[in-house]
């Protein structure tokens, strides 16, 4: 019974913003901001294009996706997107 009520609760969650060019622009901007923040991290591992290491690129992209998700949800919540 608990499994069914958990699935029902998940199914009635808030609607999120559908994918659009505006969402893509916000996500790209946030990813670039994450990569910019990653330039300040310690350089460990092989260097890739632009002088960033593989660890910095992966970490920056992950951080950028977290920033972008928060930005899209926040901007949708306040009605900007």
PDB file of N, CA and C in Angstrom:
ATOM      1  N   UNK A   1       0.822  -1.196   0.000  1.00  0.00           N
ATOM      2  CA  UNK A   1       0.000   0.000   0.000  1.00  0.00           C
ATOM      3  C   UNK A   1       0.865   1.259   0.000  1.00  0.00           C
ATOM      4  N   UNK A   2       1.972   1.213   0.727  1.00  0.00           N
ATOM      5  CA  UNK A   2       2.830   2.390   0.799  1.00  0.00           C
ATOM      6  C   UNK A   2       3.422   2.728  -0.575  1.00  0.00           C
ATOM      7  N   UNK A   3       3.769   1.710  -1.343  1.00  0.00           N
ATOM      8  CA  UNK A   3       4.336   1.936  -2.667  1.00  0.00           C
ATOM      9  C   UNK A   3       3.337   2.652  -3.560  1.00  0.00           C
ATOM     10  N   UNK A   4       2.095   2.246  -3.528  1.00  0.00           N
ATOM     11  CA  UNK A   4       1.081   2.873  -4.366  1.00  0.00           C
ATOM     12  C   UNK A   4       0.865   4.331  -3.989  1.00  0.00           C
ATOM     13  N   UNK A   5       0.837   4.653  -2.696  1.00  0.00           N
ATOM     14  CA  UNK A   5       0.629   6.041  -2.284  1.00  0.00           C
ATOM     15  C   UNK A   5       1.848   6.895  -2.625  1.00  0.00           C
ATOM     16  N   UNK A   6       3.061   6.312  -2.592  1.00  0.00           N
ATOM     17  CA  UNK A   6       4.253   7.070  -2.976  1.00  0.00           C
ATOM     18  C   UNK A   6       4.238   7.388  -4.461  1.00  0.00           C
ATOM     19  N   UNK A   7       3.806   6.421  -5.279  1.00  0.00           N
ATOM     20  CA  UNK A   7       3.709   6.662  -6.705  1.00  0.00           C
ATOM     21  C   UNK A   7       2.639   7.706  -7.021  1.00  0.00           C
ATOM     22  N   UNK A   8       1.548   7.669  -6.305  1.00  0.00           N
ATOM     23  CA  UNK A   8       0.485   8.651  -6.504  1.00  0.00           C
ATOM     24  C   UNK A   8       0.980  10.039  -6.125  1.00  0.00           C
ATOM     25  N   UNK A   9       1.732  10.139  -5.043  1.00  0.00           N
ATOM     26  CA  UNK A   9       2.270  11.420  -4.616  1.00  0.00           C
ATOM     27  C   UNK A   9       3.236  11.966  -5.654  1.00  0.00           C
ATOM     28  N   UNK A  10       4.078  11.124  -6.223  1.00  0.00           N
ATOM     29  CA  UNK A  10       5.017  11.561  -7.252  1.00  0.00           C
ATOM     30  C   UNK A  10       4.283  11.997  -8.515  1.00  0.00           C
ATOM     31  N   UNK A  11       3.194  11.344  -8.830  1.00  0.00           N
ATOM     32  CA  UNK A  11       2.449  11.667 -10.041  1.00  0.00           C
ATOM     33  C   UNK A  11       1.703  12.988  -9.919  1.00  0.00           C
ATOM     34  N   UNK A  12       1.430  13.452  -8.718  1.00  0.00           N
ATOM     35  CA  UNK A  12       0.686  14.693  -8.533  1.00  0.00           C
ATOM     36  C   UNK A  12       1.597  15.870  -8.210  1.00  0.00           C
ATOM     37  N   UNK A  13       2.895  15.740  -8.486  1.00  0.00           N
ATOM     38  CA  UNK A  13       3.844  16.816  -8.215  1.00  0.00           C
ATOM     39  C   UNK A  13       3.617  18.008  -9.130  1.00  0.00           C
ATOM     40  N   UNK A  14       4.333  19.092  -8.884  1.00  0.00           N
ATOM     41  CA  UNK A  14       4.131  20.295  -9.687  1.00  0.00           C
ATOM     42  C   UNK A  14       4.627  20.107 -11.115  1.00  0.00           C
ATOM     43  N   UNK A  15       3.992  20.766 -12.052  1.00  0.00           N
ATOM     44  CA  UNK A  15       4.416  20.716 -13.444  1.00  0.00           C
ATOM     45  C   UNK A  15       5.676  21.561 -13.604  1.00  0.00           C
ATOM     46  N   UNK A  16       6.570  21.113 -14.452  1.00  0.00           N
ATOM     47  CA  UNK A  16       7.786  21.864 -14.720  1.00  0.00           C
ATOM     48  C   UNK A  16       7.719  22.475 -16.107  1.00  0.00           C
ATOM     49  N   UNK A  17       8.644  23.360 -16.374  1.00  0.00           N
ATOM     50  CA  UNK A  17       8.689  24.051 -17.659  1.00  0.00           C
ATOM     51  C   UNK A  17       9.055  23.079 -18.769  1.00  0.00           C
ATOM     52  N   UNK A  18       8.288  23.020 -19.854  1.00  0.00           N
ATOM     53  CA  UNK A  18       8.674  22.169 -20.979  1.00  0.00           C
ATOM     54  C   UNK A  18       9.901  22.749 -21.681  1.00  0.00           C
ATOM     55  N   UNK A  19      10.633  21.908 -22.400  1.00  0.00           N
ATOM     56  CA  UNK A  19      11.850  22.340 -23.068  1.00  0.00           C
ATOM     57  C   UNK A  19      11.516  23.370 -24.141  1.00  0.00           C
ATOM     58  N   UNK A  20      12.268  24.461 -24.162  1.00  0.00           N
ATOM     59  CA  UNK A  20      12.069  25.518 -25.153  1.00  0.00           C
ATOM     60  C   UNK A  20      13.414  26.190 -25.398  1.00  0.00           C
ATOM     61  N   UNK A  21      13.519  27.031 -26.413  1.00  0.00           N
ATOM     62  CA  UNK A  21      14.772  27.754 -26.637  1.00  0.00           C
ATOM     63  C   UNK A  21      15.166  28.631 -25.454  1.00  0.00           C
ATOM     64  N   UNK A  22      14.202  29.182 -24.746  1.00  0.00           N
ATOM     65  CA  UNK A  22      14.506  30.000 -23.572  1.00  0.00           C
ATOM     66  C   UNK A  22      15.160  29.161 -22.482  1.00  0.00           C
ATOM     67  N   UNK A  23      14.643  27.975 -22.260  1.00  0.00           N
ATOM     68  CA  UNK A  23      15.236  27.066 -21.271  1.00  0.00           C
ATOM     69  C   UNK A  23      16.645  26.684 -21.710  1.00  0.00           C
ATOM     70  N   UNK A  24      16.833  26.459 -22.997  1.00  0.00           N
ATOM     71  CA  UNK A  24      18.153  26.098 -23.514  1.00  0.00           C
ATOM     72  C   UNK A  24      19.146  27.228 -23.285  1.00  0.00           C
ATOM     73  N   UNK A  25      18.731  28.472 -23.508  1.00  0.00           N
ATOM     74  CA  UNK A  25      19.621  29.611 -23.299  1.00  0.00           C
ATOM     75  C   UNK A  25      20.014  29.727 -21.835  1.00  0.00           C
ATOM     76  N   UNK A  26      19.060  29.530 -20.935  1.00  0.00           N
ATOM     77  CA  UNK A  26      19.362  29.584 -19.502  1.00  0.00           C
ATOM     78  C   UNK A  26      20.340  28.477 -19.119  1.00  0.00           C
ATOM     79  N   UNK A  27      20.120  27.264 -19.643  1.00  0.00           N
ATOM     80  CA  UNK A  27      21.006  26.143 -19.321  1.00  0.00           C
ATOM     81  C   UNK A  27      22.419  26.348 -19.887  1.00  0.00           C
ATOM     82  N   UNK A  28      22.522  26.877 -21.097  1.00  0.00           N
ATOM     83  CA  UNK A  28      23.841  27.128 -21.684  1.00  0.00           C
ATOM     84  C   UNK A  28      24.581  28.194 -20.866  1.00  0.00           C
ATOM     85  N   UNK A  29      23.873  29.250 -20.502  1.00  0.00           N
ATOM     86  CA  UNK A  29      24.487  30.293 -19.676  1.00  0.00           C
ATOM     87  C   UNK A  29      24.956  29.762 -18.334  1.00  0.00           C
ATOM     88  N   UNK A  30      24.145  28.923 -17.715  1.00  0.00           N
ATOM     89  CA  UNK A  30      24.520  28.350 -16.429  1.00  0.00           C
ATOM     90  C   UNK A  30      25.702  27.396 -16.578  1.00  0.00           C
ATOM     91  N   UNK A  31      25.744  26.642 -17.659  1.00  0.00           N
ATOM     92  CA  UNK A  31      26.870  25.734 -17.892  1.00  0.00           C
ATOM     93  C   UNK A  31      28.162  26.517 -18.122  1.00  0.00           C
ATOM     94  N   UNK A  32      28.076  27.609 -18.854  1.00  0.00           N
ATOM     95  CA  UNK A  32      29.257  28.453 -19.039  1.00  0.00           C
ATOM     96  C   UNK A  32      29.707  29.068 -17.722  1.00  0.00           C
ATOM     97  N   UNK A  33      28.758  29.449 -16.884  1.00  0.00           N
ATOM     98  CA  UNK A  33      29.096  29.975 -15.561  1.00  0.00           C
ATOM     99  C   UNK A  33      29.765  28.896 -14.706  1.00  0.00           C
ATOM    100  N   UNK A  34      29.291  27.665 -14.803  1.00  0.00           N
ATOM    101  CA  UNK A  34      29.902  26.549 -14.086  1.00  0.00           C
ATOM    102  C   UNK A  34      31.313  26.281 -14.566  1.00  0.00           C
ATOM    103  N   UNK A  35      31.523  26.343 -15.878  1.00  0.00           N
ATOM    104  CA  UNK A  35      32.872  26.156 -16.416  1.00  0.00           C
ATOM    105  C   UNK A  35      33.786  27.304 -16.018  1.00  0.00           C
ATOM    106  N   UNK A  36      33.259  28.507 -15.960  1.00  0.00           N
ATOM    107  CA  UNK A  36      34.050  29.644 -15.503  1.00  0.00           C
ATOM    108  C   UNK A  36      34.474  29.464 -14.049  1.00  0.00           C
ATOM    109  N   UNK A  37      33.566  28.955 -13.233  1.00  0.00           N
ATOM    110  CA  UNK A  37      33.904  28.688 -11.834  1.00  0.00           C
ATOM    111  C   UNK A  37      34.938  27.568 -11.724  1.00  0.00           C
ATOM    112  N   UNK A  38      34.907  26.627 -12.649  1.00  0.00           N
ATOM    113  CA  UNK A  38      35.837  25.497 -12.610  1.00  0.00           C
ATOM    114  C   UNK A  38      37.261  25.913 -12.944  1.00  0.00           C
ATOM    115  N   UNK A  39      37.430  27.062 -13.587  1.00  0.00           N
ATOM    116  CA  UNK A  39      38.790  27.517 -13.904  1.00  0.00           C
ATOM    117  C   UNK A  39      39.575  27.854 -12.646  1.00  0.00           C
ATOM    118  N   UNK A  40      38.884  28.101 -11.555  1.00  0.00           N
ATOM    119  CA  UNK A  40      39.545  28.437 -10.289  1.00  0.00           C
ATOM    120  C   UNK A  40      39.939  27.195  -9.496  1.00  0.00           C
ATOM    121  N   UNK A  41      39.500  26.022  -9.933  1.00  0.00           N
ATOM    122  CA  UNK A  41      39.791  24.774  -9.219  1.00  0.00           C
ATOM    123  C   UNK A  41      41.223  24.330  -9.498  1.00  0.00           C
ATOM    124  N   UNK A  42      41.717  23.479  -8.627  1.00  0.00           N
ATOM    125  CA  UNK A  42      43.072  22.946  -8.778  1.00  0.00           C
ATOM    126  C   UNK A  42      43.150  22.089 -10.038  1.00  0.00           C
ATOM    127  N   UNK A  43      44.248  22.238 -10.780  1.00  0.00           N
ATOM    128  CA  UNK A  43      44.431  21.479 -12.019  1.00  0.00           C
ATOM    129  C   UNK A  43      45.006  20.100 -11.704  1.00  0.00           C
ATOM    130  N   UNK A  44      44.187  19.063 -11.959  1.00  0.00           N
ATOM    131  CA  UNK A  44      44.598  17.682 -11.748  1.00  0.00           C
ATOM    132  C   UNK A  44      44.181  16.880 -12.970  1.00  0.00           C
ATOM    133  N   UNK A  45      45.113  16.174 -13.588  1.00  0.00           N
ATOM    134  CA  UNK A  45      44.788  15.328 -14.722  1.00  0.00           C
ATOM    135  C   UNK A  45      45.212  15.951 -16.031  1.00  0.00           C
ATOM    136  N   UNK A  46      44.841  15.283 -17.127  1.00  0.00           N
ATOM    137  CA  UNK A  46      45.251  15.754 -18.450  1.00  0.00           C
ATOM    138  C   UNK A  46      44.542  17.053 -18.833  1.00  0.00           C
ATOM    139  N   UNK A  47      45.261  17.911 -19.529  1.00  0.00           N
ATOM    140  CA  UNK A  47      44.709  19.184 -19.962  1.00  0.00           C
ATOM    141  C   UNK A  47      43.956  19.011 -21.284  1.00  0.00           C
ATOM    142  N   UNK A  48      42.798  19.622 -21.369  1.00  0.00           N
ATOM    143  CA  UNK A  48      41.982  19.585 -22.580  1.00  0.00           C
ATOM    144  C   UNK A  48      42.024  20.948 -23.258  1.00  0.00           C
ATOM    145  N   UNK A  49      41.121  21.184 -24.156  1.00  0.00           N
ATOM    146  CA  UNK A  49      41.051  22.445 -24.886  1.00  0.00           C
ATOM    147  C   UNK A  49      40.786  23.605 -23.927  1.00  0.00           C
ATOM    148  N   UNK A  50      41.453  24.710 -24.144  1.00  0.00           N
ATOM    149  CA  UNK A  50      41.227  25.894 -23.324  1.00  0.00           C
ATOM    150  C   UNK A  50      41.989  25.887 -22.020  1.00  0.00           C
ATOM    151  N   UNK A  51      42.861  24.931 -21.812  1.00  0.00           N
ATOM    152  CA  UNK A  51      43.648  24.886 -20.595  1.00  0.00           C
ATOM    153  C   UNK A  51      42.943  24.261 -19.402  1.00  0.00           C
ATOM    154  N   UNK A  52      41.731  23.784 -19.590  1.00  0.00           N
ATOM    155  CA  UNK A  52      41.016  23.122 -18.502  1.00  0.00           C
ATOM    156  C   UNK A  52      41.362  21.642 -18.493  1.00  0.00           C
ATOM    157  N   UNK A  53      41.393  21.053 -17.315  1.00  0.00           N
ATOM    158  CA  UNK A  53      41.631  19.618 -17.212  1.00  0.00           C
ATOM    159  C   UNK A  53      40.298  18.883 -17.364  1.00  0.00           C
ATOM    160  N   UNK A  54      40.391  17.573 -17.539  1.00  0.00           N
ATOM    161  CA  UNK A  54      39.175  16.758 -17.679  1.00  0.00           C
ATOM    162  C   UNK A  54      38.310  16.872 -16.421  1.00  0.00           C
ATOM    163  N   UNK A  55      38.947  16.884 -15.257  1.00  0.00           N
ATOM    164  CA  UNK A  55      38.195  16.994 -14.002  1.00  0.00           C
ATOM    165  C   UNK A  55      37.490  18.342 -13.903  1.00  0.00           C
ATOM    166  N   UNK A  56      38.134  19.404 -14.366  1.00  0.00           N
ATOM    167  CA  UNK A  56      37.508  20.722 -14.322  1.00  0.00           C
ATOM    168  C   UNK A  56      36.315  20.803 -15.280  1.00  0.00           C
ATOM    169  N   UNK A  57      36.434  20.205 -16.449  1.00  0.00           N
ATOM    170  CA  UNK A  57      35.335  20.233 -17.420  1.00  0.00           C
ATOM    171  C   UNK A  57      34.133  19.455 -16.881  1.00  0.00           C
ATOM    172  N   UNK A  58      34.383  18.269 -16.361  1.00  0.00           N
ATOM    173  CA  UNK A  58      33.283  17.451 -15.829  1.00  0.00           C
ATOM    174  C   UNK A  58      32.643  18.128 -14.622  1.00  0.00           C
ATOM    175  N   UNK A  59      33.475  18.603 -13.709  1.00  0.00           N
ATOM    176  CA  UNK A  59      32.950  19.282 -12.518  1.00  0.00           C
ATOM    177  C   UNK A  59      32.210  20.558 -12.861  1.00  0.00           C
ATOM    178  N   UNK A  60      32.763  21.335 -13.785  1.00  0.00           N
ATOM    179  CA  UNK A  60      32.107  22.574 -14.185  1.00  0.00           C
ATOM    180  C   UNK A  60      30.790  22.328 -14.887  1.00  0.00           C
ATOM    181  N   UNK A  61      30.745  21.300 -15.738  1.00  0.00           N
ATOM    182  CA  UNK A  61      29.497  20.972 -16.428  1.00  0.00           C
ATOM    183  C   UNK A  61      28.432  20.485 -15.439  1.00  0.00           C
ATOM    184  N   UNK A  62      28.846  19.679 -14.485  1.00  0.00           N
ATOM    185  CA  UNK A  62      27.894  19.207 -13.463  1.00  0.00           C
ATOM    186  C   UNK A  62      27.360  20.370 -12.640  1.00  0.00           C
ATOM    187  N   UNK A  63      28.262  21.245 -12.207  1.00  0.00           N
ATOM    188  CA  UNK A  63      27.848  22.404 -11.413  1.00  0.00           C
ATOM    189  C   UNK A  63      26.947  23.321 -12.239  1.00  0.00           C
ATOM    190  N   UNK A  64      27.278  23.495 -13.522  1.00  0.00           N
ATOM    191  CA  UNK A  64      26.451  24.317 -14.392  1.00  0.00           C
ATOM    192  C   UNK A  64      25.058  23.761 -14.562  1.00  0.00           C
ATOM    193  N   UNK A  65      24.945  22.437 -14.656  1.00  0.00           N
ATOM    194  CA  UNK A  65      23.616  21.827 -14.768  1.00  0.00           C
ATOM    195  C   UNK A  65      22.803  22.026 -13.482  1.00  0.00           C
ATOM    196  N   UNK A  66      23.464  21.962 -12.349  1.00  0.00           N
ATOM    197  CA  UNK A  66      22.754  22.230 -11.088  1.00  0.00           C
ATOM    198  C   UNK A  66      22.288  23.680 -11.037  1.00  0.00           C
ATOM    199  N   UNK A  67      23.169  24.605 -11.420  1.00  0.00           N
ATOM    200  CA  UNK A  67      22.784  26.019 -11.459  1.00  0.00           C
ATOM    201  C   UNK A  67      21.637  26.242 -12.446  1.00  0.00           C
ATOM    202  N   UNK A  68      21.727  25.620 -13.618  1.00  0.00           N
ATOM    203  CA  UNK A  68      20.696  25.787 -14.638  1.00  0.00           C
ATOM    204  C   UNK A  68      19.348  25.241 -14.214  1.00  0.00           C
ATOM    205  N   UNK A  69      19.364  24.091 -13.579  1.00  0.00           N
ATOM    206  CA  UNK A  69      18.107  23.509 -13.093  1.00  0.00           C
ATOM    207  C   UNK A  69      17.448  24.421 -12.073  1.00  0.00           C
ATOM    208  N   UNK A  70      18.238  24.923 -11.149  1.00  0.00           N
ATOM    209  CA  UNK A  70      17.701  25.859 -10.153  1.00  0.00           C
ATOM    210  C   UNK A  70      17.203  27.137 -10.789  1.00  0.00           C
ATOM    211  N   UNK A  71      17.936  27.642 -11.772  1.00  0.00           N
ATOM    212  CA  UNK A  71      17.531  28.874 -12.439  1.00  0.00           C
ATOM    213  C   UNK A  71      16.230  28.682 -13.217  1.00  0.00           C
ATOM    214  N   UNK A  72      16.122  27.581 -13.943  1.00  0.00           N
ATOM    215  CA  UNK A  72      14.897  27.325 -14.713  1.00  0.00           C
ATOM    216  C   UNK A  72      13.702  27.166 -13.779  1.00  0.00           C
ATOM    217  N   UNK A  73      13.880  26.401 -12.715  1.00  0.00           N
ATOM    218  CA  UNK A  73      12.763  26.218 -11.772  1.00  0.00           C
ATOM    219  C   UNK A  73      12.388  27.528 -11.095  1.00  0.00           C
ATOM    220  N   UNK A  74      13.396  28.303 -10.704  1.00  0.00           N
ATOM    221  CA  UNK A  74      13.131  29.583 -10.047  1.00  0.00           C
ATOM    222  C   UNK A  74      12.470  30.582 -10.983  1.00  0.00           C
ATOM    223  N   UNK A  75      12.983  30.694 -12.209  1.00  0.00           N
ATOM    224  CA  UNK A  75      12.397  31.625 -13.170  1.00  0.00           C
ATOM    225  C   UNK A  75      10.986  31.206 -13.580  1.00  0.00           C
ATOM    226  N   UNK A  76      10.752  29.893 -13.634  1.00  0.00           N
ATOM    227  CA  UNK A  76       9.391  29.417 -13.931  1.00  0.00           C
ATOM    228  C   UNK A  76       8.458  29.746 -12.768  1.00  0.00           C
ATOM    229  N   UNK A  77       8.950  29.589 -11.570  1.00  0.00           N
ATOM    230  CA  UNK A  77       8.123  29.836 -10.379  1.00  0.00           C
ATOM    231  C   UNK A  77       7.679  31.297 -10.285  1.00  0.00           C
ATOM    232  N   UNK A  78       8.590  32.229 -10.631  1.00  0.00           N
ATOM    233  CA  UNK A  78       8.231  33.641 -10.526  1.00  0.00           C
ATOM    234  C   UNK A  78       7.570  34.177 -11.799  1.00  0.00           C
ATOM    235  N   UNK A  79       7.448  33.320 -12.826  1.00  0.00           N
ATOM    236  CA  UNK A  79       6.711  33.679 -14.024  1.00  0.00           C
ATOM    237  C   UNK A  79       7.516  34.382 -15.097  1.00  0.00           C
ATOM    238  N   UNK A  80       8.847  34.365 -15.015  1.00  0.00           N
ATOM    239  CA  UNK A  80       9.671  35.007 -16.033  1.00  0.00           C
ATOM    240  C   UNK A  80       9.730  34.163 -17.298  1.00  0.00           C
ATOM    241  N   UNK A  81       9.813  32.852 -17.129  1.00  0.00           N
ATOM    242  CA  UNK A  81       9.838  31.944 -18.288  1.00  0.00           C
ATOM    243  C   UNK A  81       8.428  31.429 -18.514  1.00  0.00           C
TER     244      UNK A  81
END
